[in-house]
Amino acid sequence: MLPGRWFIRHRDNAQVKAFVTGATAAAGGALSGAVVVLTRQAVTDLPTAAIALVTLGLLLRFKIGEPWIVAAAAALGLLLHWP
C-alpha cells in the first residue's frame, strides 16, 4: 500500500509493468497452491466434496458474498457431521 502512489506515477515504465505482472502471477500461484493444500485437508469424504462442488458452482454462477458462502457451508458441514 505504501508504494502505491509511486507505482501509479510510474505506471508507463516498462520495468514497473514487468514487476507488477510478475508479482501478480506470483500472487496467483501462491493462492492456487494454498487452495490445493487446504482442499486436500478439508475435503475428506463425499459430503464435504459435494459441499465444495456446490459452493464452487454457486460462486461461479452467482454474485454471492464470500462470508455468506462460508457461513452456509459451515452450517451444512456441522449438520452433516454432528455427532
C-alpha atoms as a PDB file:
ATOM      1  CA  MET A   1       0.000   0.000   0.000  1.00  0.00           C
ATOM      2  CA  LEU A   2       2.808   2.391   0.789  1.00  0.00           C
ATOM      3  CA  PRO A   3       4.430   2.443  -2.657  1.00  0.00           C
ATOM      4  CA  GLY A   4       1.032   2.659  -4.409  1.00  0.00           C
ATOM      5  CA  ARG A   5       1.428   6.297  -5.410  1.00  0.00           C
ATOM      6  CA  TRP A   6       4.900   5.574  -6.735  1.00  0.00           C
ATOM      7  CA  PHE A   7       3.545   2.737  -8.901  1.00  0.00           C
ATOM      8  CA  ILE A   8       0.760   4.985 -10.199  1.00  0.00           C
ATOM      9  CA  ARG A   9       3.228   7.734 -11.030  1.00  0.00           C
ATOM     10  CA  HIS A  10       5.486   5.302 -12.935  1.00  0.00           C
ATOM     11  CA  ARG A  11       2.802   3.062 -14.466  1.00  0.00           C
ATOM     12  CA  ASP A  12       4.066   3.730 -18.009  1.00  0.00           C
ATOM     13  CA  ASN A  13       7.560   2.490 -17.136  1.00  0.00           C
ATOM     14  CA  ALA A  14       8.257  -0.895 -18.781  1.00  0.00           C
ATOM     15  CA  GLN A  15      10.210  -2.194 -15.772  1.00  0.00           C
ATOM     16  CA  VAL A  16       7.399  -1.311 -13.373  1.00  0.00           C
ATOM     17  CA  LYS A  17       4.872  -3.002 -15.673  1.00  0.00           C
ATOM     18  CA  ALA A  18       7.043  -6.132 -15.784  1.00  0.00           C
ATOM     19  CA  PHE A  19       7.377  -6.137 -11.997  1.00  0.00           C
ATOM     20  CA  VAL A  20       3.624  -5.762 -11.456  1.00  0.00           C
ATOM     21  CA  THR A  21       2.911  -8.510 -13.988  1.00  0.00           C
ATOM     22  CA  GLY A  22       5.362 -10.848 -12.262  1.00  0.00           C
ATOM     23  CA  ALA A  23       4.070 -10.020  -8.786  1.00  0.00           C
ATOM     24  CA  THR A  24       0.503 -10.631  -9.936  1.00  0.00           C
ATOM     25  CA  ALA A  25       1.445 -14.021 -11.380  1.00  0.00           C
ATOM     26  CA  ALA A  26       3.331 -14.953  -8.202  1.00  0.00           C
ATOM     27  CA  ALA A  27       0.366 -13.991  -6.022  1.00  0.00           C
ATOM     28  CA  GLY A  28      -1.975 -16.043  -8.219  1.00  0.00           C
ATOM     29  CA  GLY A  29       0.332 -19.037  -7.972  1.00  0.00           C
ATOM     30  CA  ALA A  30       0.616 -18.730  -4.204  1.00  0.00           C
ATOM     31  CA  LEU A  31      -3.161 -18.534  -3.832  1.00  0.00           C
ATOM     32  CA  SER A  32      -3.659 -21.546  -6.109  1.00  0.00           C
ATOM     33  CA  GLY A  33      -1.150 -23.555  -4.099  1.00  0.00           C
ATOM     34  CA  ALA A  34      -2.879 -22.625  -0.852  1.00  0.00           C
ATOM     35  CA  VAL A  35      -6.244 -23.707  -2.291  1.00  0.00           C
ATOM     36  CA  VAL A  36      -4.822 -27.117  -3.204  1.00  0.00           C
ATOM     37  CA  VAL A  37      -3.279 -27.654   0.229  1.00  0.00           C
ATOM     38  CA  LEU A  38      -6.376 -26.505   2.121  1.00  0.00           C
ATOM     39  CA  THR A  39      -8.707 -28.532  -0.107  1.00  0.00           C
ATOM     40  CA  ARG A  40      -6.711 -31.715   0.496  1.00  0.00           C
ATOM     41  CA  GLN A  41      -7.025 -31.196   4.230  1.00  0.00           C
ATOM     42  CA  ALA A  42     -10.667 -30.094   4.301  1.00  0.00           C
ATOM     43  CA  VAL A  43     -12.352 -32.305   1.693  1.00  0.00           C
ATOM     44  CA  THR A  44     -12.077 -35.723   3.272  1.00  0.00           C
ATOM     45  CA  ASP A  45     -15.304 -37.526   2.292  1.00  0.00           C
ATOM     46  CA  LEU A  46     -18.177 -37.450  -0.172  1.00  0.00           C
ATOM     47  CA  PRO A  47     -20.399 -34.941   1.699  1.00  0.00           C
ATOM     48  CA  THR A  48     -17.593 -32.404   2.020  1.00  0.00           C
ATOM     49  CA  ALA A  49     -16.718 -32.908  -1.648  1.00  0.00           C
ATOM     50  CA  ALA A  50     -20.354 -32.199  -2.531  1.00  0.00           C
ATOM     51  CA  ILE A  51     -20.325 -29.045  -0.398  1.00  0.00           C
ATOM     52  CA  ALA A  52     -17.126 -27.919  -2.133  1.00  0.00           C
ATOM     53  CA  LEU A  53     -18.520 -28.518  -5.629  1.00  0.00           C
ATOM     54  CA  VAL A  54     -21.850 -26.825  -4.904  1.00  0.00           C
ATOM     55  CA  THR A  55     -20.013 -23.882  -3.361  1.00  0.00           C
ATOM     56  CA  LEU A  56     -17.744 -23.564  -6.387  1.00  0.00           C
ATOM     57  CA  GLY A  57     -20.766 -23.684  -8.674  1.00  0.00           C
ATOM     58  CA  LEU A  58     -22.577 -21.004  -6.679  1.00  0.00           C
ATOM     59  CA  LEU A  59     -19.540 -18.725  -6.683  1.00  0.00           C
ATOM     60  CA  LEU A  60     -19.059 -19.123 -10.432  1.00  0.00           C
ATOM     61  CA  ARG A  61     -22.743 -18.645 -11.304  1.00  0.00           C
ATOM     62  CA  PHE A  62     -23.998 -16.007  -8.863  1.00  0.00           C
ATOM     63  CA  LYS A  63     -22.589 -12.903  -7.217  1.00  0.00           C
ATOM     64  CA  ILE A  64     -22.810 -14.170  -3.630  1.00  0.00           C
ATOM     65  CA  GLY A  65     -20.574 -12.667  -0.968  1.00  0.00           C
ATOM     66  CA  GLU A  66     -17.914 -14.994   0.362  1.00  0.00           C
ATOM     67  CA  PRO A  67     -18.929 -14.548   4.024  1.00  0.00           C
ATOM     68  CA  TRP A  68     -22.409 -15.881   3.198  1.00  0.00           C
ATOM     69  CA  ILE A  69     -20.921 -18.872   1.369  1.00  0.00           C
ATOM     70  CA  VAL A  70     -18.559 -19.629   4.256  1.00  0.00           C
ATOM     71  CA  ALA A  71     -21.385 -19.380   6.814  1.00  0.00           C
ATOM     72  CA  ALA A  72     -23.734 -21.597   4.788  1.00  0.00           C
ATOM     73  CA  ALA A  73     -21.053 -24.213   4.076  1.00  0.00           C
ATOM     74  CA  ALA A  74     -20.012 -24.231   7.740  1.00  0.00           C
ATOM     75  CA  ALA A  75     -23.614 -24.706   8.878  1.00  0.00           C
ATOM     76  CA  LEU A  76     -24.160 -27.513   6.379  1.00  0.00           C
ATOM     77  CA  GLY A  77     -20.909 -29.182   7.401  1.00  0.00           C
ATOM     78  CA  LEU A  78     -21.885 -29.023  11.059  1.00  0.00           C
ATOM     79  CA  LEU A  79     -25.297 -30.525  10.299  1.00  0.00           C
ATOM     80  CA  LEU A  80     -23.797 -33.355   8.255  1.00  0.00           C
ATOM     81  CA  HIS A  81     -21.063 -34.192  10.770  1.00  0.00           C
ATOM     82  CA  TRP A  82     -22.939 -33.589  14.011  1.00  0.00           C
ATOM     83  CA  PRO A  83     -22.318 -36.497  16.423  1.00  0.00           C
END
